[in-house]
């Protein structure tokens, strides 16, 4: 099992990539759908906060399963956010 510090770094990295892509979208497409890009950034921050909360409040009964679920939710959540950014360009 990876350390909690590494999992938190992974979460921060992936969420920062989503936010960076949103900022790039806003910079390139000024005045077009900027409010939707900001909404995606807010969703990314909410995802980060929720995952950090789950990491800090570990269920002691099955730790491995708990962190595996967190990793899966991270990947699904970030993927959905990237899809949302891609849909903005259409």
N, C-alpha and C. Protein backbone atom coordinates (compact mmCIF):
# COMPACT_ATOMS: atom_id res chain seq x y z
N UNK A 1 0.84 -1.18 0.00
CA UNK A 1 0.00 0.00 0.00
C UNK A 1 0.89 1.24 0.00
N UNK A 2 0.53 2.19 -0.82
CA UNK A 2 1.27 3.44 -0.88
C UNK A 2 1.01 4.25 0.38
N UNK A 3 1.93 5.14 0.66
CA UNK A 3 1.75 5.94 1.86
C UNK A 3 0.69 7.01 1.64
N UNK A 4 0.15 7.48 2.71
CA UNK A 4 -0.89 8.51 2.65
C UNK A 4 -0.34 9.77 2.00
N UNK A 5 0.91 10.08 2.27
CA UNK A 5 1.53 11.27 1.69
C UNK A 5 1.56 11.18 0.17
N UNK A 6 1.87 10.01 -0.38
CA UNK A 6 1.93 9.83 -1.82
C UNK A 6 0.54 9.93 -2.44
N UNK A 7 -0.45 9.38 -1.77
CA UNK A 7 -1.82 9.46 -2.27
C UNK A 7 -2.28 10.92 -2.29
N UNK A 8 -1.97 11.68 -1.25
CA UNK A 8 -2.34 13.09 -1.22
C UNK A 8 -1.62 13.87 -2.31
N UNK A 9 -0.37 13.54 -2.58
CA UNK A 9 0.36 14.21 -3.66
C UNK A 9 -0.26 13.89 -5.01
N UNK A 10 -0.69 12.64 -5.21
CA UNK A 10 -1.35 12.26 -6.46
C UNK A 10 -2.65 13.04 -6.64
N UNK A 11 -3.41 13.16 -5.57
CA UNK A 11 -4.67 13.91 -5.64
C UNK A 11 -4.39 15.37 -6.01
N UNK A 12 -3.43 15.97 -5.32
CA UNK A 12 -3.10 17.37 -5.60
C UNK A 12 -2.62 17.56 -7.03
N UNK A 13 -1.80 16.63 -7.52
CA UNK A 13 -1.28 16.75 -8.87
C UNK A 13 -2.40 16.67 -9.90
N UNK A 14 -3.26 15.66 -9.79
CA UNK A 14 -4.32 15.48 -10.78
C UNK A 14 -5.33 16.62 -10.74
N UNK A 15 -5.68 17.07 -9.57
CA UNK A 15 -6.62 18.18 -9.47
C UNK A 15 -5.99 19.47 -10.01
N UNK A 16 -4.71 19.67 -9.75
CA UNK A 16 -4.05 20.86 -10.29
C UNK A 16 -3.96 20.81 -11.80
N UNK A 17 -3.85 19.63 -12.39
CA UNK A 17 -3.86 19.51 -13.84
C UNK A 17 -5.22 19.90 -14.42
N UNK A 18 -6.28 19.50 -13.75
CA UNK A 18 -7.63 19.88 -14.19
C UNK A 18 -7.78 21.40 -14.12
N UNK A 19 -7.36 21.98 -13.02
CA UNK A 19 -7.48 23.43 -12.86
C UNK A 19 -6.61 24.16 -13.88
N UNK A 20 -5.43 23.65 -14.15
CA UNK A 20 -4.54 24.24 -15.14
C UNK A 20 -5.17 24.21 -16.53
N UNK A 21 -5.79 23.10 -16.88
CA UNK A 21 -6.46 23.00 -18.17
C UNK A 21 -7.64 23.97 -18.26
N UNK A 22 -8.34 24.15 -17.17
CA UNK A 22 -9.45 25.12 -17.17
C UNK A 22 -8.93 26.54 -17.37
N UNK A 23 -7.84 26.87 -16.70
CA UNK A 23 -7.26 28.21 -16.89
C UNK A 23 -6.79 28.40 -18.32
N UNK A 24 -6.21 27.37 -18.90
CA UNK A 24 -5.78 27.46 -20.30
C UNK A 24 -6.98 27.65 -21.22
N UNK A 25 -8.07 26.95 -20.94
CA UNK A 25 -9.28 27.11 -21.74
C UNK A 25 -9.81 28.53 -21.64
N UNK A 26 -9.84 29.08 -20.43
CA UNK A 26 -10.33 30.44 -20.25
C UNK A 26 -9.42 31.44 -20.96
N UNK A 27 -8.12 31.22 -20.91
CA UNK A 27 -7.17 32.13 -21.56
C UNK A 27 -7.33 32.09 -23.08
N UNK A 28 -7.50 30.91 -23.63
CA UNK A 28 -7.60 30.76 -25.08
C UNK A 28 -8.96 31.21 -25.60
N UNK A 29 -10.02 30.82 -24.90
CA UNK A 29 -11.38 31.11 -25.33
C UNK A 29 -11.99 32.17 -24.42
N UNK A 30 -11.50 33.37 -24.51
CA UNK A 30 -11.99 34.43 -23.64
C UNK A 30 -13.45 34.75 -23.97
N UNK A 31 -14.23 34.99 -22.95
CA UNK A 31 -15.65 35.33 -23.04
C UNK A 31 -16.52 34.19 -23.52
N UNK A 32 -16.00 33.02 -23.71
CA UNK A 32 -16.82 31.88 -24.12
C UNK A 32 -16.80 30.81 -23.04
N UNK A 33 -17.92 30.58 -22.43
CA UNK A 33 -18.10 29.50 -21.47
C UNK A 33 -17.13 29.56 -20.29
N UNK A 34 -16.71 30.74 -19.93
CA UNK A 34 -15.77 30.89 -18.81
C UNK A 34 -16.43 30.47 -17.50
N UNK A 35 -17.73 30.75 -17.38
CA UNK A 35 -18.42 30.38 -16.15
C UNK A 35 -18.50 28.87 -15.98
N UNK A 36 -18.61 28.15 -17.09
CA UNK A 36 -18.63 26.68 -17.01
C UNK A 36 -17.26 26.13 -16.64
N UNK A 37 -16.21 26.77 -17.14
CA UNK A 37 -14.85 26.35 -16.77
C UNK A 37 -14.59 26.60 -15.28
N UNK A 38 -15.09 27.71 -14.77
CA UNK A 38 -14.95 28.00 -13.34
C UNK A 38 -15.73 26.98 -12.53
N UNK A 39 -16.89 26.57 -13.02
CA UNK A 39 -17.68 25.55 -12.34
C UNK A 39 -16.93 24.22 -12.29
N UNK A 40 -16.22 23.88 -13.36
CA UNK A 40 -15.42 22.65 -13.39
C UNK A 40 -14.29 22.75 -12.37
N UNK A 41 -13.67 23.94 -12.27
CA UNK A 41 -12.61 24.13 -11.27
C UNK A 41 -13.16 23.96 -9.86
N UNK A 42 -14.34 24.50 -9.62
CA UNK A 42 -14.96 24.35 -8.30
C UNK A 42 -15.26 22.88 -8.00
N UNK A 43 -15.72 22.14 -9.01
CA UNK A 43 -15.97 20.71 -8.83
C UNK A 43 -14.67 19.97 -8.52
N UNK A 44 -13.58 20.38 -9.15
CA UNK A 44 -12.28 19.75 -8.89
C UNK A 44 -11.84 19.98 -7.45
N UNK A 45 -12.04 21.19 -6.96
CA UNK A 45 -11.67 21.50 -5.58
C UNK A 45 -12.56 20.72 -4.61
N UNK A 46 -13.83 20.61 -4.93
CA UNK A 46 -14.73 19.82 -4.08
C UNK A 46 -14.31 18.35 -4.05
N UNK A 47 -13.91 17.82 -5.20
CA UNK A 47 -13.43 16.43 -5.26
C UNK A 47 -12.20 16.27 -4.39
N UNK A 48 -11.25 17.21 -4.49
CA UNK A 48 -10.04 17.16 -3.69
C UNK A 48 -10.37 17.18 -2.20
N UNK A 49 -11.24 18.09 -1.81
CA UNK A 49 -11.59 18.21 -0.39
C UNK A 49 -12.29 16.96 0.12
N UNK A 50 -13.16 16.40 -0.70
CA UNK A 50 -13.87 15.17 -0.29
C UNK A 50 -12.89 14.01 -0.12
N UNK A 51 -11.96 13.86 -1.07
CA UNK A 51 -11.00 12.76 -0.99
C UNK A 51 -10.06 12.94 0.20
N UNK A 52 -9.62 14.17 0.46
CA UNK A 52 -8.77 14.42 1.62
C UNK A 52 -9.51 14.11 2.91
N UNK A 53 -10.78 14.45 2.96
CA UNK A 53 -11.58 14.16 4.14
C UNK A 53 -11.68 12.65 4.36
N UNK A 54 -11.87 11.92 3.26
CA UNK A 54 -11.95 10.46 3.38
C UNK A 54 -10.60 9.86 3.79
N UNK A 55 -9.51 10.44 3.34
CA UNK A 55 -8.19 9.94 3.73
C UNK A 55 -7.94 10.20 5.21
N UNK A 56 -8.34 11.37 5.68
CA UNK A 56 -8.09 11.74 7.08
C UNK A 56 -9.01 11.02 8.05
N UNK A 57 -10.12 10.48 7.57
CA UNK A 57 -11.07 9.76 8.43
C UNK A 57 -11.16 8.31 7.96
N UNK A 58 -10.12 7.56 8.21
CA UNK A 58 -10.00 6.19 7.74
C UNK A 58 -10.85 5.26 8.58
N UNK A 59 -11.56 4.36 7.88
CA UNK A 59 -12.30 3.30 8.56
C UNK A 59 -11.29 2.20 8.89
N UNK A 60 -11.10 1.94 10.14
CA UNK A 60 -10.04 1.03 10.60
C UNK A 60 -10.33 -0.44 10.32
N UNK A 61 -11.55 -0.79 9.91
CA UNK A 61 -11.87 -2.20 9.71
C UNK A 61 -11.17 -2.79 8.51
N UNK A 62 -11.19 -2.08 7.37
CA UNK A 62 -10.54 -2.59 6.16
C UNK A 62 -9.84 -1.44 5.44
N UNK A 63 -8.62 -1.18 5.86
CA UNK A 63 -7.87 -0.03 5.38
C UNK A 63 -7.54 -0.16 3.89
N UNK A 64 -7.12 -1.34 3.47
CA UNK A 64 -6.76 -1.54 2.07
C UNK A 64 -7.93 -1.25 1.14
N UNK A 65 -9.07 -1.75 1.50
CA UNK A 65 -10.27 -1.55 0.67
C UNK A 65 -10.65 -0.07 0.64
N UNK A 66 -10.48 0.59 1.77
CA UNK A 66 -10.81 2.01 1.88
C UNK A 66 -9.95 2.84 0.92
N UNK A 67 -8.64 2.62 0.93
CA UNK A 67 -7.75 3.39 0.07
C UNK A 67 -7.87 2.99 -1.39
N UNK A 68 -8.19 1.76 -1.67
CA UNK A 68 -8.44 1.35 -3.04
C UNK A 68 -9.65 2.08 -3.60
N UNK A 69 -10.69 2.20 -2.79
CA UNK A 69 -11.89 2.93 -3.21
C UNK A 69 -11.57 4.41 -3.45
N UNK A 70 -10.72 4.99 -2.61
CA UNK A 70 -10.34 6.39 -2.78
C UNK A 70 -9.60 6.56 -4.10
N UNK A 71 -8.66 5.66 -4.41
CA UNK A 71 -7.92 5.75 -5.67
C UNK A 71 -8.85 5.62 -6.87
N UNK A 72 -9.79 4.70 -6.81
CA UNK A 72 -10.74 4.52 -7.91
C UNK A 72 -11.61 5.76 -8.07
N UNK A 73 -12.09 6.32 -6.97
CA UNK A 73 -12.91 7.52 -7.05
C UNK A 73 -12.12 8.70 -7.58
N UNK A 74 -10.85 8.77 -7.24
CA UNK A 74 -9.99 9.83 -7.76
C UNK A 74 -9.90 9.73 -9.28
N UNK A 75 -9.60 8.54 -9.77
CA UNK A 75 -9.44 8.39 -11.22
C UNK A 75 -10.74 8.62 -11.97
N UNK A 76 -11.84 8.13 -11.43
CA UNK A 76 -13.15 8.35 -12.07
C UNK A 76 -13.53 9.82 -12.05
N UNK A 77 -13.31 10.47 -10.93
CA UNK A 77 -13.66 11.88 -10.80
C UNK A 77 -12.85 12.78 -11.71
N UNK A 78 -11.54 12.55 -11.75
CA UNK A 78 -10.67 13.36 -12.60
C UNK A 78 -10.97 13.10 -14.07
N UNK A 79 -11.23 11.86 -14.42
CA UNK A 79 -11.59 11.54 -15.80
C UNK A 79 -12.87 12.27 -16.20
N UNK A 80 -13.86 12.28 -15.33
CA UNK A 80 -15.12 12.98 -15.63
C UNK A 80 -14.88 14.48 -15.79
N UNK A 81 -13.98 15.05 -14.98
CA UNK A 81 -13.68 16.47 -15.10
C UNK A 81 -12.97 16.78 -16.42
N UNK A 82 -12.05 15.92 -16.82
CA UNK A 82 -11.37 16.13 -18.10
C UNK A 82 -12.34 15.99 -19.28
N UNK A 83 -13.29 15.08 -19.17
CA UNK A 83 -14.32 14.94 -20.21
C UNK A 83 -15.16 16.21 -20.27
N UNK A 84 -15.47 16.78 -19.11
CA UNK A 84 -16.24 18.04 -19.07
C UNK A 84 -15.48 19.17 -19.75
N UNK A 85 -14.18 19.23 -19.52
CA UNK A 85 -13.35 20.26 -20.19
C UNK A 85 -13.35 20.03 -21.69
N UNK A 86 -13.24 18.79 -22.11
CA UNK A 86 -13.25 18.47 -23.54
C UNK A 86 -14.57 18.86 -24.18
N UNK A 87 -15.66 18.66 -23.45
CA UNK A 87 -16.98 19.00 -23.99
C UNK A 87 -17.18 20.50 -24.12
N UNK A 88 -16.43 21.30 -23.37
CA UNK A 88 -16.54 22.75 -23.49
C UNK A 88 -16.05 23.24 -24.85
N UNK A 89 -15.11 22.55 -25.43
CA UNK A 89 -14.53 23.01 -26.70
C UNK A 89 -15.43 22.72 -27.89
N UNK A 90 -16.44 21.90 -27.70
CA UNK A 90 -17.33 21.55 -28.81
C UNK A 90 -18.36 22.61 -29.04
